[in-house]
C-alpha cells in the first residue's frame, strides 16, 4: 500500500490573526512551545499542531481553539 497523501489546510485565518496583532512567527512559536519551523508549517497548513500547542497558539492569539478542529482539508 502507498502512503496516504498529506492533507493541507487553508490557515490564512491563523496568519491573519498573527499579523493583526503585529506578532512574528517566532513569538507565537515561543509562546506555543514549538520551534520556528514547526510553527511555520502549522501556519501554512502543512502540519497539524499537537493539542497543547494548538491550544497555546489560540490562547496567545486570542482565538477559539475550535478554529483548528473545524478545519477541512483543501484540494
PDB file of N, CA and C in Angstrom:
ATOM      1  N   UNK A   1       0.829  -1.182   0.000  1.00  0.00           N
ATOM      2  CA  UNK A   1       0.000   0.000   0.000  1.00  0.00           C
ATOM      3  C   UNK A   1       0.873   1.246   0.000  1.00  0.00           C
ATOM      4  N   UNK A   2       0.403   2.282  -0.681  1.00  0.00           N
ATOM      5  CA  UNK A   2       1.122   3.549  -0.728  1.00  0.00           C
ATOM      6  C   UNK A   2       0.833   4.395   0.505  1.00  0.00           C
ATOM      7  N   UNK A   3       1.631   5.400   0.689  1.00  0.00           N
ATOM      8  CA  UNK A   3       1.431   6.316   1.813  1.00  0.00           C
ATOM      9  C   UNK A   3       0.228   7.205   1.541  1.00  0.00           C
ATOM     10  N   UNK A   4      -0.467   7.550   2.606  1.00  0.00           N
ATOM     11  CA  UNK A   4      -1.591   8.463   2.500  1.00  0.00           C
ATOM     12  C   UNK A   4      -1.057   9.853   2.168  1.00  0.00           C
ATOM     13  N   UNK A   5      -1.700  10.510   1.218  1.00  0.00           N
ATOM     14  CA  UNK A   5      -1.297  11.857   0.841  1.00  0.00           C
ATOM     15  C   UNK A   5      -1.535  12.803   2.017  1.00  0.00           C
ATOM     16  N   UNK A   6      -0.542  13.626   2.298  1.00  0.00           N
ATOM     17  CA  UNK A   6      -0.662  14.584   3.402  1.00  0.00           C
ATOM     18  C   UNK A   6      -1.770  15.586   3.097  1.00  0.00           C
ATOM     19  N   UNK A   7      -2.578  15.863   4.102  1.00  0.00           N
ATOM     20  CA  UNK A   7      -3.642  16.840   3.936  1.00  0.00           C
ATOM     21  C   UNK A   7      -3.093  18.240   4.172  1.00  0.00           C
ATOM     22  N   UNK A   8      -3.592  19.182   3.402  1.00  0.00           N
ATOM     23  CA  UNK A   8      -3.175  20.576   3.508  1.00  0.00           C
ATOM     24  C   UNK A   8      -4.403  21.400   3.885  1.00  0.00           C
ATOM     25  N   UNK A   9      -4.193  22.340   4.804  1.00  0.00           N
ATOM     26  CA  UNK A   9      -5.288  23.166   5.300  1.00  0.00           C
ATOM     27  C   UNK A   9      -5.054  24.624   4.958  1.00  0.00           C
ATOM     28  N   UNK A  10      -6.151  25.339   4.733  1.00  0.00           N
ATOM     29  CA  UNK A  10      -6.079  26.781   4.497  1.00  0.00           C
ATOM     30  C   UNK A  10      -6.041  27.460   5.860  1.00  0.00           C
ATOM     31  N   UNK A  11      -4.874  27.940   6.236  1.00  0.00           N
ATOM     32  CA  UNK A  11      -4.720  28.579   7.539  1.00  0.00           C
ATOM     33  C   UNK A  11      -4.471  30.072   7.398  1.00  0.00           C
ATOM     34  N   UNK A  12      -5.046  30.677   6.369  1.00  0.00           N
ATOM     35  CA  UNK A  12      -4.915  32.125   6.231  1.00  0.00           C
ATOM     36  C   UNK A  12      -5.494  32.835   7.448  1.00  0.00           C
ATOM     37  N   UNK A  13      -6.480  32.220   8.093  1.00  0.00           N
ATOM     38  CA  UNK A  13      -7.069  32.794   9.310  1.00  0.00           C
ATOM     39  C   UNK A  13      -6.031  32.915  10.419  1.00  0.00           C
ATOM     40  N   UNK A  14      -5.115  31.956  10.485  1.00  0.00           N
ATOM     41  CA  UNK A  14      -4.095  31.960  11.532  1.00  0.00           C
ATOM     42  C   UNK A  14      -3.047  33.038  11.259  1.00  0.00           C
ATOM     43  N   UNK A  15      -2.604  33.109  10.021  1.00  0.00           N
ATOM     44  CA  UNK A  15      -1.640  34.150   9.652  1.00  0.00           C
ATOM     45  C   UNK A  15      -2.251  35.538   9.850  1.00  0.00           C
ATOM     46  N   UNK A  16      -3.510  35.699   9.433  1.00  0.00           N
ATOM     47  CA  UNK A  16      -4.185  36.991   9.568  1.00  0.00           C
ATOM     48  C   UNK A  16      -4.273  37.408  11.035  1.00  0.00           C
ATOM     49  N   UNK A  17      -4.628  36.490  11.911  1.00  0.00           N
ATOM     50  CA  UNK A  17      -4.733  36.800  13.343  1.00  0.00           C
ATOM     51  C   UNK A  17      -3.376  37.226  13.900  1.00  0.00           C
ATOM     52  N   UNK A  18      -2.324  36.541  13.489  1.00  0.00           N
ATOM     53  CA  UNK A  18      -0.980  36.878  13.960  1.00  0.00           C
ATOM     54  C   UNK A  18      -0.563  38.251  13.473  1.00  0.00           C
ATOM     55  N   UNK A  19      -0.779  38.525  12.196  1.00  0.00           N
ATOM     56  CA  UNK A  19      -0.376  39.809  11.618  1.00  0.00           C
ATOM     57  C   UNK A  19      -1.188  40.968  12.179  1.00  0.00           C
ATOM     58  N   UNK A  20      -2.480  40.741  12.422  1.00  0.00           N
ATOM     59  CA  UNK A  20      -3.330  41.792  13.004  1.00  0.00           C
ATOM     60  C   UNK A  20      -2.836  42.219  14.380  1.00  0.00           C
ATOM     61  N   UNK A  21      -2.175  41.316  15.059  1.00  0.00           N
ATOM     62  CA  UNK A  21      -1.653  41.607  16.394  1.00  0.00           C
ATOM     63  C   UNK A  21      -0.196  42.071  16.356  1.00  0.00           C
ATOM     64  N   UNK A  22       0.348  42.168  15.143  1.00  0.00           N
ATOM     65  CA  UNK A  22       1.721  42.643  14.977  1.00  0.00           C
ATOM     66  C   UNK A  22       2.765  41.691  15.525  1.00  0.00           C
ATOM     67  N   UNK A  23       2.468  40.393  15.481  1.00  0.00           N
ATOM     68  CA  UNK A  23       3.374  39.391  16.040  1.00  0.00           C
ATOM     69  C   UNK A  23       4.158  38.675  14.950  1.00  0.00           C
ATOM     70  N   UNK A  24       5.302  38.156  15.333  1.00  0.00           N
ATOM     71  CA  UNK A  24       6.110  37.361  14.412  1.00  0.00           C
ATOM     72  C   UNK A  24       5.805  35.878  14.619  1.00  0.00           C
ATOM     73  N   UNK A  25       6.149  35.079  13.633  1.00  0.00           N
ATOM     74  CA  UNK A  25       6.008  33.634  13.791  1.00  0.00           C
ATOM     75  C   UNK A  25       6.855  33.153  14.965  1.00  0.00           C
ATOM     76  N   UNK A  26       8.023  33.759  15.145  1.00  0.00           N
ATOM     77  CA  UNK A  26       8.916  33.363  16.235  1.00  0.00           C
ATOM     78  C   UNK A  26       8.257  33.579  17.593  1.00  0.00           C
ATOM     79  N   UNK A  27       7.578  34.708  17.777  1.00  0.00           N
ATOM     80  CA  UNK A  27       6.950  34.978  19.074  1.00  0.00           C
ATOM     81  C   UNK A  27       5.804  34.008  19.351  1.00  0.00           C
ATOM     82  N   UNK A  28       5.036  33.654  18.323  1.00  0.00           N
ATOM     83  CA  UNK A  28       3.941  32.702  18.509  1.00  0.00           C
ATOM     84  C   UNK A  28       4.509  31.310  18.770  1.00  0.00           C
ATOM     85  N   UNK A  29       5.540  30.942  18.030  1.00  0.00           N
ATOM     86  CA  UNK A  29       6.175  29.637  18.230  1.00  0.00           C
ATOM     87  C   UNK A  29       6.681  29.503  19.659  1.00  0.00           C
ATOM     88  N   UNK A  30       7.336  30.531  20.141  1.00  0.00           N
ATOM     89  CA  UNK A  30       7.876  30.510  21.506  1.00  0.00           C
ATOM     90  C   UNK A  30       6.752  30.367  22.529  1.00  0.00           C
ATOM     91  N   UNK A  31       5.673  31.122  22.361  1.00  0.00           N
ATOM     92  CA  UNK A  31       4.531  31.051  23.282  1.00  0.00           C
ATOM     93  C   UNK A  31       3.877  29.675  23.254  1.00  0.00           C
ATOM     94  N   UNK A  32       3.893  29.034  22.083  1.00  0.00           N
ATOM     95  CA  UNK A  32       3.260  27.722  21.934  1.00  0.00           C
ATOM     96  C   UNK A  32       4.175  26.575  22.326  1.00  0.00           C
ATOM     97  N   UNK A  33       5.462  26.870  22.507  1.00  0.00           N
ATOM     98  CA  UNK A  33       6.406  25.823  22.880  1.00  0.00           C
ATOM     99  C   UNK A  33       6.800  24.924  21.724  1.00  0.00           C
ATOM    100  N   UNK A  34       6.795  25.492  20.512  1.00  0.00           N
ATOM    101  CA  UNK A  34       7.241  24.739  19.334  1.00  0.00           C
ATOM    102  C   UNK A  34       8.379  25.495  18.669  1.00  0.00           C
ATOM    103  N   UNK A  35       9.148  24.798  17.840  1.00  0.00           N
ATOM    104  CA  UNK A  35      10.235  25.508  17.153  1.00  0.00           C
ATOM    105  C   UNK A  35       9.682  26.292  15.967  1.00  0.00           C
ATOM    106  N   UNK A  36      10.487  27.206  15.472  1.00  0.00           N
ATOM    107  CA  UNK A  36      10.045  28.103  14.394  1.00  0.00           C
ATOM    108  C   UNK A  36       9.599  27.356  13.148  1.00  0.00           C
ATOM    109  N   UNK A  37      10.339  26.330  12.750  1.00  0.00           N
ATOM    110  CA  UNK A  37       9.985  25.631  11.519  1.00  0.00           C
ATOM    111  C   UNK A  37       8.670  24.874  11.673  1.00  0.00           C
ATOM    112  N   UNK A  38       8.424  24.306  12.851  1.00  0.00           N
ATOM    113  CA  UNK A  38       7.139  23.635  13.073  1.00  0.00           C
ATOM    114  C   UNK A  38       5.994  24.642  13.027  1.00  0.00           C
ATOM    115  N   UNK A  39       6.170  25.802  13.668  1.00  0.00           N
ATOM    116  CA  UNK A  39       5.099  26.795  13.633  1.00  0.00           C
ATOM    117  C   UNK A  39       4.845  27.263  12.198  1.00  0.00           C
ATOM    118  N   UNK A  40       5.912  27.463  11.437  1.00  0.00           N
ATOM    119  CA  UNK A  40       5.757  27.878  10.046  1.00  0.00           C
ATOM    120  C   UNK A  40       4.923  26.863   9.275  1.00  0.00           C
ATOM    121  N   UNK A  41       5.193  25.594   9.479  1.00  0.00           N
ATOM    122  CA  UNK A  41       4.440  24.534   8.797  1.00  0.00           C
ATOM    123  C   UNK A  41       2.983  24.487   9.283  1.00  0.00           C
ATOM    124  N   UNK A  42       2.775  24.742  10.566  1.00  0.00           N
ATOM    125  CA  UNK A  42       1.411  24.786  11.106  1.00  0.00           C
ATOM    126  C   UNK A  42       0.645  25.924  10.453  1.00  0.00           C
ATOM    127  N   UNK A  43       1.256  27.104  10.419  1.00  0.00           N
ATOM    128  CA  UNK A  43       0.581  28.280   9.857  1.00  0.00           C
ATOM    129  C   UNK A  43       0.313  28.112   8.363  1.00  0.00           C
ATOM    130  N   UNK A  44       1.193  27.445   7.651  1.00  0.00           N
ATOM    131  CA  UNK A  44       0.985  27.235   6.210  1.00  0.00           C
ATOM    132  C   UNK A  44       0.029  26.086   5.921  1.00  0.00           C
ATOM    133  N   UNK A  45      -0.432  25.398   6.975  1.00  0.00           N
ATOM    134  CA  UNK A  45      -1.399  24.315   6.789  1.00  0.00           C
ATOM    135  C   UNK A  45      -0.785  22.993   6.402  1.00  0.00           C
ATOM    136  N   UNK A  46       0.517  22.852   6.576  1.00  0.00           N
ATOM    137  CA  UNK A  46       1.211  21.634   6.185  1.00  0.00           C
ATOM    138  C   UNK A  46       1.399  20.666   7.339  1.00  0.00           C
ATOM    139  N   UNK A  47       1.118  21.116   8.557  1.00  0.00           N
ATOM    140  CA  UNK A  47       1.329  20.294   9.746  1.00  0.00           C
ATOM    141  C   UNK A  47       0.216  20.572  10.745  1.00  0.00           C
ATOM    142  N   UNK A  48      -0.231  19.528  11.399  1.00  0.00           N
ATOM    143  CA  UNK A  48      -1.215  19.670  12.464  1.00  0.00           C
ATOM    144  C   UNK A  48      -0.479  19.967  13.765  1.00  0.00           C
ATOM    145  N   UNK A  49      -0.966  20.924  14.542  1.00  0.00           N
ATOM    146  CA  UNK A  49      -0.330  21.144  15.837  1.00  0.00           C
ATOM    147  C   UNK A  49      -0.750  20.052  16.813  1.00  0.00           C
ATOM    148  N   UNK A  50       0.126  19.748  17.747  1.00  0.00           N
ATOM    149  CA  UNK A  50      -0.280  18.863  18.841  1.00  0.00           C
ATOM    150  C   UNK A  50      -1.334  19.615  19.641  1.00  0.00           C
ATOM    151  N   UNK A  51      -2.127  18.903  20.404  1.00  0.00           N
ATOM    152  CA  UNK A  51      -3.253  19.518  21.106  1.00  0.00           C
ATOM    153  C   UNK A  51      -2.794  20.673  21.986  1.00  0.00           C
ATOM    154  N   UNK A  52      -1.789  20.444  22.825  1.00  0.00           N
ATOM    155  CA  UNK A  52      -1.329  21.504  23.729  1.00  0.00           C
ATOM    156  C   UNK A  52      -0.813  22.706  22.956  1.00  0.00           C
ATOM    157  N   UNK A  53      -0.066  22.462  21.887  1.00  0.00           N
ATOM    158  CA  UNK A  53       0.466  23.570  21.088  1.00  0.00           C
ATOM    159  C   UNK A  53      -0.670  24.334  20.416  1.00  0.00           C
ATOM    160  N   UNK A  54      -1.662  23.629  19.903  1.00  0.00           N
ATOM    161  CA  UNK A  54      -2.811  24.291  19.270  1.00  0.00           C
ATOM    162  C   UNK A  54      -3.558  25.175  20.252  1.00  0.00           C
ATOM    163  N   UNK A  55      -3.735  24.672  21.472  1.00  0.00           N
ATOM    164  CA  UNK A  55      -4.412  25.459  22.500  1.00  0.00           C
ATOM    165  C   UNK A  55      -3.581  26.683  22.865  1.00  0.00           C
ATOM    166  N   UNK A  56      -2.276  26.507  23.016  1.00  0.00           N
ATOM    167  CA  UNK A  56      -1.408  27.638  23.359  1.00  0.00           C
ATOM    168  C   UNK A  56      -1.400  28.699  22.257  1.00  0.00           C
ATOM    169  N   UNK A  57      -1.360  28.252  20.998  1.00  0.00           N
ATOM    170  CA  UNK A  57      -1.399  29.192  19.870  1.00  0.00           C
ATOM    171  C   UNK A  57      -2.685  30.011  19.949  1.00  0.00           C
ATOM    172  N   UNK A  58      -3.804  29.328  20.128  1.00  0.00           N
ATOM    173  CA  UNK A  58      -5.089  30.027  20.171  1.00  0.00           C
ATOM    174  C   UNK A  58      -5.191  30.958  21.372  1.00  0.00           C
ATOM    175  N   UNK A  59      -4.703  30.527  22.517  1.00  0.00           N
ATOM    176  CA  UNK A  59      -4.724  31.400  23.693  1.00  0.00           C
ATOM    177  C   UNK A  59      -3.880  32.644  23.451  1.00  0.00           C
ATOM    178  N   UNK A  60      -2.696  32.465  22.888  1.00  0.00           N
ATOM    179  CA  UNK A  60      -1.789  33.583  22.651  1.00  0.00           C
ATOM    180  C   UNK A  60      -2.373  34.575  21.652  1.00  0.00           C
ATOM    181  N   UNK A  61      -3.053  34.056  20.626  1.00  0.00           N
ATOM    182  CA  UNK A  61      -3.640  34.913  19.589  1.00  0.00           C
ATOM    183  C   UNK A  61      -5.089  35.296  19.890  1.00  0.00           C
ATOM    184  N   UNK A  62      -5.584  34.862  21.041  1.00  0.00           N
ATOM    185  CA  UNK A  62      -6.967  35.147  21.459  1.00  0.00           C
ATOM    186  C   UNK A  62      -7.982  34.630  20.440  1.00  0.00           C
ATOM    187  N   UNK A  63      -7.786  33.366  20.056  1.00  0.00           N
ATOM    188  CA  UNK A  63      -8.672  32.688  19.117  1.00  0.00           C
ATOM    189  C   UNK A  63      -9.365  31.535  19.830  1.00  0.00           C
ATOM    190  N   UNK A  64     -10.472  31.103  19.290  1.00  0.00           N
ATOM    191  CA  UNK A  64     -11.163  29.940  19.814  1.00  0.00           C
ATOM    192  C   UNK A  64     -10.406  28.691  19.359  1.00  0.00           C
ATOM    193  N   UNK A  65     -10.047  27.788  20.279  1.00  0.00           N
ATOM    194  CA  UNK A  65      -9.335  26.569  19.884  1.00  0.00           C
ATOM    195  C   UNK A  65     -10.097  25.711  18.877  1.00  0.00           C
ATOM    196  N   UNK A  66     -11.399  25.909  18.786  1.00  0.00           N
ATOM    197  CA  UNK A  66     -12.175  25.153  17.801  1.00  0.00           C
ATOM    198  C   UNK A  66     -11.798  25.539  16.370  1.00  0.00           C
ATOM    199  N   UNK A  67     -11.063  26.618  16.227  1.00  0.00           N
ATOM    200  CA  UNK A  67     -10.620  27.039  14.893  1.00  0.00           C
ATOM    201  C   UNK A  67      -9.875  25.911  14.197  1.00  0.00           C
ATOM    202  N   UNK A  68      -9.019  25.198  14.939  1.00  0.00           N
ATOM    203  CA  UNK A  68      -8.290  24.074  14.359  1.00  0.00           C
ATOM    204  C   UNK A  68      -9.205  22.874  14.133  1.00  0.00           C
ATOM    205  N   UNK A  69     -10.124  22.651  15.061  1.00  0.00           N
ATOM    206  CA  UNK A  69     -10.993  21.472  14.991  1.00  0.00           C
ATOM    207  C   UNK A  69     -12.011  21.558  13.860  1.00  0.00           C
ATOM    208  N   UNK A  70     -12.384  22.756  13.465  1.00  0.00           N
ATOM    209  CA  UNK A  70     -13.402  22.913  12.433  1.00  0.00           C
ATOM    210  C   UNK A  70     -12.850  22.954  11.020  1.00  0.00           C
ATOM    211  N   UNK A  71     -11.528  22.811  10.888  1.00  0.00           N
ATOM    212  CA  UNK A  71     -10.896  22.895   9.560  1.00  0.00           C
ATOM    213  C   UNK A  71     -11.223  21.698   8.685  1.00  0.00           C
ATOM    214  N   UNK A  72     -11.253  21.965   7.404  1.00  0.00           N
ATOM    215  CA  UNK A  72     -11.404  20.920   6.398  1.00  0.00           C
ATOM    216  C   UNK A  72     -10.203  21.011   5.451  1.00  0.00           C
ATOM    217  N   UNK A  73      -9.664  19.873   5.029  1.00  0.00           N
ATOM    218  CA  UNK A  73      -8.529  19.928   4.090  1.00  0.00           C
ATOM    219  C   UNK A  73      -8.929  20.572   2.768  1.00  0.00           C
ATOM    220  N   UNK A  74      -7.958  21.234   2.130  1.00  0.00           N
ATOM    221  CA  UNK A  74      -8.228  21.806   0.810  1.00  0.00           C
ATOM    222  C   UNK A  74      -7.755  20.829  -0.254  1.00  0.00           C
ATOM    223  N   UNK A  75      -8.325  20.937  -1.415  1.00  0.00           N
ATOM    224  CA  UNK A  75      -7.890  20.102  -2.531  1.00  0.00           C
ATOM    225  C   UNK A  75      -8.553  18.791  -2.649  1.00  0.00           C
TER     226      UNK A  75
END
